[in-house]
């Protein structure tokens, strides 16, 4: 009978030690997640977005740095710039 109690106590100690380590690990993960979110929010505005313009021919939005400007309108490619604006 004493052996059974001894093994039950050993199993209980192992279980509670494992549970304690697991809870500490979960708390650490939560803390790291909060830090990552804070860092992400802090650096979110470090890279401002680029203005997007609509192609006068097909309506596709492209960054202004990649757009072709012709006759006062923006186009997504040289082919569309040569075709000109599409009549809607």
N, C-alpha and C. Protein backbone atom coordinates (compact mmCIF):
# COMPACT_ATOMS: atom_id res chain seq x y z
N UNK A 1 0.82 -1.20 0.00
CA UNK A 1 0.00 0.00 0.00
C UNK A 1 0.86 1.26 0.00
N UNK A 2 1.97 1.21 0.75
CA UNK A 2 2.83 2.39 0.82
C UNK A 2 3.49 2.67 -0.54
N UNK A 3 3.74 1.61 -1.32
CA UNK A 3 4.31 1.81 -2.65
C UNK A 3 3.33 2.55 -3.56
N UNK A 4 2.08 2.22 -3.48
CA UNK A 4 1.07 2.88 -4.30
C UNK A 4 1.01 4.37 -3.95
N UNK A 5 0.99 4.68 -2.67
CA UNK A 5 0.96 6.08 -2.24
C UNK A 5 2.22 6.80 -2.71
N UNK A 6 3.37 6.13 -2.61
CA UNK A 6 4.63 6.72 -3.06
C UNK A 6 4.58 7.05 -4.55
N UNK A 7 4.11 6.12 -5.38
CA UNK A 7 4.03 6.35 -6.82
C UNK A 7 3.00 7.43 -7.17
N UNK A 8 1.91 7.46 -6.44
CA UNK A 8 0.91 8.50 -6.67
C UNK A 8 1.51 9.87 -6.34
N UNK A 9 2.27 9.96 -5.25
CA UNK A 9 2.92 11.22 -4.88
C UNK A 9 3.95 11.63 -5.94
N UNK A 10 4.73 10.68 -6.44
CA UNK A 10 5.72 10.98 -7.48
C UNK A 10 5.01 11.50 -8.73
N UNK A 11 3.95 10.84 -9.14
CA UNK A 11 3.20 11.27 -10.32
C UNK A 11 2.60 12.65 -10.10
N UNK A 12 2.08 12.90 -8.90
CA UNK A 12 1.51 14.22 -8.59
C UNK A 12 2.58 15.31 -8.65
N UNK A 13 3.76 15.04 -8.10
CA UNK A 13 4.85 16.02 -8.13
C UNK A 13 5.26 16.30 -9.57
N UNK A 14 5.40 15.26 -10.37
CA UNK A 14 5.76 15.45 -11.78
C UNK A 14 4.69 16.25 -12.51
N UNK A 15 3.43 15.92 -12.27
CA UNK A 15 2.34 16.64 -12.93
C UNK A 15 2.34 18.12 -12.56
N UNK A 16 2.46 18.43 -11.28
CA UNK A 16 2.42 19.83 -10.86
C UNK A 16 3.66 20.60 -11.32
N UNK A 17 4.80 19.94 -11.38
CA UNK A 17 6.01 20.59 -11.90
C UNK A 17 5.83 20.90 -13.39
N UNK A 18 5.30 19.93 -14.13
CA UNK A 18 5.04 20.15 -15.56
C UNK A 18 4.03 21.27 -15.76
N UNK A 19 2.97 21.27 -14.96
CA UNK A 19 1.93 22.29 -15.09
C UNK A 19 2.50 23.68 -14.78
N UNK A 20 3.32 23.76 -13.76
CA UNK A 20 3.93 25.04 -13.40
C UNK A 20 4.82 25.55 -14.52
N UNK A 21 5.63 24.68 -15.11
CA UNK A 21 6.48 25.10 -16.22
C UNK A 21 5.65 25.52 -17.42
N UNK A 22 4.58 24.81 -17.68
CA UNK A 22 3.71 25.14 -18.82
C UNK A 22 3.04 26.50 -18.61
N UNK A 23 2.58 26.80 -17.41
CA UNK A 23 1.96 28.09 -17.14
C UNK A 23 2.96 29.23 -17.31
N UNK A 24 4.20 29.01 -16.86
CA UNK A 24 5.23 30.03 -17.04
C UNK A 24 5.51 30.24 -18.53
N UNK A 25 5.52 29.16 -19.29
CA UNK A 25 5.75 29.26 -20.73
C UNK A 25 4.62 30.04 -21.41
N UNK A 26 3.39 29.79 -21.03
CA UNK A 26 2.24 30.49 -21.60
C UNK A 26 2.31 31.98 -21.26
N UNK A 27 2.66 32.30 -20.01
CA UNK A 27 2.79 33.70 -19.62
C UNK A 27 3.90 34.39 -20.41
N UNK A 28 5.00 33.71 -20.62
CA UNK A 28 6.10 34.27 -21.40
C UNK A 28 5.67 34.52 -22.85
N UNK A 29 4.94 33.56 -23.43
CA UNK A 29 4.45 33.72 -24.80
C UNK A 29 3.50 34.91 -24.90
N UNK A 30 2.62 35.07 -23.91
CA UNK A 30 1.70 36.20 -23.92
C UNK A 30 2.46 37.52 -23.82
N UNK A 31 3.46 37.57 -22.96
CA UNK A 31 4.26 38.77 -22.80
C UNK A 31 4.99 39.10 -24.10
N UNK A 32 5.55 38.09 -24.74
CA UNK A 32 6.25 38.31 -26.01
C UNK A 32 5.28 38.76 -27.10
N UNK A 33 4.07 38.19 -27.11
CA UNK A 33 3.06 38.61 -28.09
C UNK A 33 2.70 40.08 -27.90
N UNK A 34 2.55 40.49 -26.64
CA UNK A 34 2.23 41.90 -26.36
C UNK A 34 3.37 42.80 -26.82
N UNK A 35 4.60 42.37 -26.57
CA UNK A 35 5.76 43.17 -27.00
C UNK A 35 5.83 43.25 -28.52
N UNK A 36 5.55 42.14 -29.21
CA UNK A 36 5.57 42.15 -30.68
C UNK A 36 4.49 43.07 -31.22
N UNK A 37 3.30 43.02 -30.63
CA UNK A 37 2.21 43.89 -31.07
C UNK A 37 2.56 45.35 -30.83
N UNK A 38 3.18 45.64 -29.69
CA UNK A 38 3.58 47.01 -29.39
C UNK A 38 4.65 47.48 -30.38
N UNK A 39 5.61 46.62 -30.67
CA UNK A 39 6.64 46.97 -31.65
C UNK A 39 6.05 47.17 -33.03
N UNK A 40 5.10 46.32 -33.40
CA UNK A 40 4.47 46.45 -34.70
C UNK A 40 3.69 47.75 -34.79
N UNK A 41 2.95 48.09 -33.74
CA UNK A 41 2.20 49.34 -33.73
C UNK A 41 3.14 50.54 -33.75
N UNK A 42 4.26 50.42 -33.07
CA UNK A 42 5.23 51.51 -33.01
C UNK A 42 5.87 51.75 -34.37
N UNK A 43 6.16 50.68 -35.10
CA UNK A 43 6.84 50.80 -36.38
C UNK A 43 5.88 50.79 -37.57
N UNK A 44 4.61 50.77 -37.30
CA UNK A 44 3.61 50.70 -38.37
C UNK A 44 3.71 51.89 -39.30
N UNK A 45 3.94 53.07 -38.78
CA UNK A 45 3.97 54.27 -39.58
C UNK A 45 5.36 54.60 -40.11
N UNK A 46 6.33 53.72 -39.89
CA UNK A 46 7.67 53.96 -40.39
C UNK A 46 7.73 53.89 -41.92
N UNK A 47 6.86 53.08 -42.51
CA UNK A 47 6.84 52.94 -43.95
C UNK A 47 5.51 53.46 -44.48
N UNK A 48 5.45 54.74 -44.83
CA UNK A 48 4.19 55.28 -45.31
C UNK A 48 3.82 54.65 -46.65
N UNK A 49 2.52 54.55 -46.89
CA UNK A 49 2.05 53.98 -48.14
C UNK A 49 2.27 54.93 -49.29
N UNK A 50 2.21 54.39 -50.48
CA UNK A 50 2.41 55.19 -51.67
C UNK A 50 1.05 55.50 -52.29
N UNK A 51 0.93 56.64 -52.90
CA UNK A 51 -0.32 57.04 -53.53
C UNK A 51 -0.60 56.10 -54.70
N UNK A 52 -1.85 55.67 -54.81
CA UNK A 52 -2.28 54.80 -55.89
C UNK A 52 -3.12 55.62 -56.86
N UNK A 53 -2.95 55.35 -58.15
CA UNK A 53 -3.73 56.03 -59.18
C UNK A 53 -4.40 54.99 -60.06
N UNK A 54 -5.53 55.37 -60.64
CA UNK A 54 -6.30 54.47 -61.48
C UNK A 54 -5.90 54.64 -62.94
N UNK A 55 -5.75 53.54 -63.65
CA UNK A 55 -5.45 53.58 -65.08
C UNK A 55 -6.67 54.14 -65.80
N UNK A 56 -6.46 55.13 -66.68
CA UNK A 56 -7.56 55.75 -67.41
C UNK A 56 -8.17 54.79 -68.42
N UNK A 57 -7.46 53.71 -68.76
CA UNK A 57 -7.97 52.77 -69.75
C UNK A 57 -8.72 51.61 -69.11
N UNK A 58 -8.09 50.93 -68.17
CA UNK A 58 -8.71 49.72 -67.60
C UNK A 58 -9.20 49.88 -66.17
N UNK A 59 -8.79 50.95 -65.48
CA UNK A 59 -9.25 51.18 -64.11
C UNK A 59 -8.40 50.52 -63.04
N UNK A 60 -7.35 49.80 -63.44
CA UNK A 60 -6.47 49.14 -62.48
C UNK A 60 -5.72 50.17 -61.65
N UNK A 61 -5.64 49.95 -60.34
CA UNK A 61 -4.89 50.86 -59.47
C UNK A 61 -3.44 50.41 -59.41
N UNK A 62 -2.54 51.35 -59.65
CA UNK A 62 -1.10 51.09 -59.60
C UNK A 62 -0.44 52.19 -58.77
N UNK A 63 0.72 51.88 -58.15
CA UNK A 63 1.44 52.93 -57.43
C UNK A 63 1.85 54.04 -58.39
N UNK A 64 1.80 55.26 -57.91
CA UNK A 64 2.10 56.41 -58.77
C UNK A 64 3.51 56.34 -59.32
N UNK A 65 4.43 55.70 -58.59
CA UNK A 65 5.81 55.58 -59.07
C UNK A 65 5.93 54.64 -60.26
N UNK A 66 4.97 53.73 -60.43
CA UNK A 66 5.00 52.78 -61.54
C UNK A 66 4.06 53.19 -62.67
N UNK A 67 3.22 54.17 -62.44
CA UNK A 67 2.23 54.58 -63.45
C UNK A 67 2.89 55.37 -64.57
N UNK A 68 2.29 55.29 -65.75
CA UNK A 68 2.73 56.06 -66.91
C UNK A 68 1.81 57.28 -67.01
N UNK A 69 2.41 58.48 -67.02
CA UNK A 69 1.64 59.72 -67.09
C UNK A 69 1.69 60.23 -68.53
N UNK A 70 0.51 60.37 -69.14
CA UNK A 70 0.45 60.81 -70.53
C UNK A 70 -0.82 61.63 -70.74
N UNK A 71 -0.68 62.80 -71.35
CA UNK A 71 -1.82 63.68 -71.67
C UNK A 71 -2.70 63.95 -70.46
N UNK A 72 -2.09 64.15 -69.30
CA UNK A 72 -2.84 64.50 -68.10
C UNK A 72 -3.53 63.34 -67.41
N UNK A 73 -3.26 62.11 -67.83
CA UNK A 73 -3.90 60.93 -67.23
C UNK A 73 -2.83 59.89 -66.89
N UNK A 74 -3.18 59.02 -65.95
CA UNK A 74 -2.27 57.95 -65.54
C UNK A 74 -2.72 56.63 -66.18
N UNK A 75 -1.72 55.80 -66.54
CA UNK A 75 -1.99 54.51 -67.16
C UNK A 75 -1.12 53.45 -66.48
N UNK A 76 -1.58 52.20 -66.57
CA UNK A 76 -0.84 51.11 -65.93
C UNK A 76 0.28 50.58 -66.81
N UNK A 77 0.23 50.83 -68.11
CA UNK A 77 1.27 50.34 -69.02
C UNK A 77 1.40 51.27 -70.22
N UNK A 78 2.49 51.07 -70.97
CA UNK A 78 2.68 51.89 -72.19
C UNK A 78 1.60 51.59 -73.22
N UNK A 79 1.19 50.33 -73.31
CA UNK A 79 0.16 49.96 -74.28
C UNK A 79 -1.14 50.72 -74.01
N UNK A 80 -1.53 50.81 -72.74
CA UNK A 80 -2.76 51.54 -72.41
C UNK A 80 -2.59 53.03 -72.62
N UNK A 81 -1.39 53.55 -72.39
CA UNK A 81 -1.13 54.97 -72.63
C UNK A 81 -1.26 55.27 -74.12
N UNK A 82 -0.81 54.33 -74.97
CA UNK A 82 -0.92 54.52 -76.41
C UNK A 82 -2.38 54.43 -76.87
N UNK A 83 -3.18 53.56 -76.24
CA UNK A 83 -4.60 53.43 -76.59
C UNK A 83 -5.38 54.65 -76.15
N UNK A 84 -4.96 55.25 -75.04
CA UNK A 84 -5.67 56.41 -74.52
C UNK A 84 -6.78 56.01 -73.57
N UNK A 85 -7.51 57.01 -73.05
CA UNK A 85 -8.56 56.70 -72.07
C UNK A 85 -9.72 55.97 -72.73
N UNK A 86 -10.30 55.07 -71.96
CA UNK A 86 -11.44 54.30 -72.43
C UNK A 86 -12.71 55.11 -72.21
N UNK A 87 -13.58 55.14 -73.20
CA UNK A 87 -14.86 55.86 -73.06
C UNK A 87 -15.80 55.01 -72.21
N UNK A 88 -16.31 55.59 -71.16
CA UNK A 88 -17.20 54.85 -70.24
C UNK A 88 -18.61 55.09 -70.61
